[in-house]
C-alpha atoms as a PDB file:
ATOM      1  CA  UNK A   1      -5.444   8.549 -23.131  1.00  0.00           C
ATOM      2  CA  UNK A   2      -8.397   8.432 -25.511  1.00  0.00           C
ATOM      3  CA  UNK A   3      -7.786  12.102 -26.451  1.00  0.00           C
ATOM      4  CA  UNK A   4      -4.173  11.259 -27.315  1.00  0.00           C
ATOM      5  CA  UNK A   5      -5.243   8.301 -29.439  1.00  0.00           C
ATOM      6  CA  UNK A   6      -7.886  10.340 -31.237  1.00  0.00           C
ATOM      7  CA  UNK A   7      -5.410  13.151 -31.871  1.00  0.00           C
ATOM      8  CA  UNK A   8      -2.353  11.181 -32.998  1.00  0.00           C
ATOM      9  CA  UNK A   9      -3.405   7.734 -34.220  1.00  0.00           C
ATOM     10  CA  UNK A  10      -4.618   7.689 -37.793  1.00  0.00           C
ATOM     11  CA  UNK A  11      -4.272   5.646 -40.980  1.00  0.00           C
ATOM     12  CA  UNK A  12      -0.715   6.924 -41.490  1.00  0.00           C
ATOM     13  CA  UNK A  13       0.465   5.889 -38.031  1.00  0.00           C
ATOM     14  CA  UNK A  14      -1.014   2.413 -38.331  1.00  0.00           C
ATOM     15  CA  UNK A  15       0.478   1.838 -41.826  1.00  0.00           C
ATOM     16  CA  UNK A  16       3.374   4.052 -42.861  1.00  0.00           C
ATOM     17  CA  UNK A  17       3.399   2.767 -46.409  1.00  0.00           C
ATOM     18  CA  UNK A  18       6.547   2.459 -48.498  1.00  0.00           C
ATOM     19  CA  UNK A  19       7.542   6.123 -48.089  1.00  0.00           C
ATOM     20  CA  UNK A  20       7.282   5.892 -44.319  1.00  0.00           C
ATOM     21  CA  UNK A  21       9.255   2.643 -44.172  1.00  0.00           C
ATOM     22  CA  UNK A  22      11.993   4.158 -46.326  1.00  0.00           C
ATOM     23  CA  UNK A  23      12.092   7.240 -44.079  1.00  0.00           C
ATOM     24  CA  UNK A  24      12.603   5.054 -40.994  1.00  0.00           C
ATOM     25  CA  UNK A  25      15.333   3.070 -42.750  1.00  0.00           C
ATOM     26  CA  UNK A  26      17.045   6.334 -43.747  1.00  0.00           C
ATOM     27  CA  UNK A  27      16.835   7.560 -40.148  1.00  0.00           C
ATOM     28  CA  UNK A  28      18.483   4.359 -38.896  1.00  0.00           C
ATOM     29  CA  UNK A  29      21.242   4.644 -41.504  1.00  0.00           C
ATOM     30  CA  UNK A  30      21.946   8.278 -40.591  1.00  0.00           C
ATOM     31  CA  UNK A  31      22.104   7.334 -36.912  1.00  0.00           C
ATOM     32  CA  UNK A  32      24.573   4.541 -37.721  1.00  0.00           C
ATOM     33  CA  UNK A  33      26.677   6.875 -39.882  1.00  0.00           C
ATOM     34  CA  UNK A  34      26.782   9.358 -36.991  1.00  0.00           C
ATOM     35  CA  UNK A  35      27.978   6.632 -34.620  1.00  0.00           C
ATOM     36  CA  UNK A  36      24.768   6.538 -32.607  1.00  0.00           C
ATOM     37  CA  UNK A  37      24.119   2.894 -33.469  1.00  0.00           C
ATOM     38  CA  UNK A  38      26.865   0.341 -33.010  1.00  0.00           C
ATOM     39  CA  UNK A  39      27.005  -2.915 -34.955  1.00  0.00           C
ATOM     40  CA  UNK A  40      24.703  -3.998 -37.712  1.00  0.00           C
ATOM     41  CA  UNK A  41      21.341  -2.438 -38.427  1.00  0.00           C
ATOM     42  CA  UNK A  42      18.320  -4.705 -38.024  1.00  0.00           C
ATOM     43  CA  UNK A  43      16.996  -6.211 -41.233  1.00  0.00           C
ATOM     44  CA  UNK A  44      13.603  -4.791 -40.433  1.00  0.00           C
ATOM     45  CA  UNK A  45      11.971  -2.943 -37.572  1.00  0.00           C
ATOM     46  CA  UNK A  46       8.519  -3.540 -39.004  1.00  0.00           C
ATOM     47  CA  UNK A  47       6.243  -6.408 -38.169  1.00  0.00           C
END
């Protein structure tokens, strides 16, 4: 597990920044547009 953490967890994965947050929001919107998500999108998926 430590190898995985060292390989994949970095500053970008712990804080996506504004570009990363917008990318996730775009992904959710595309999924909704494609019918993969029913109902309303969450206001935020970030803590």
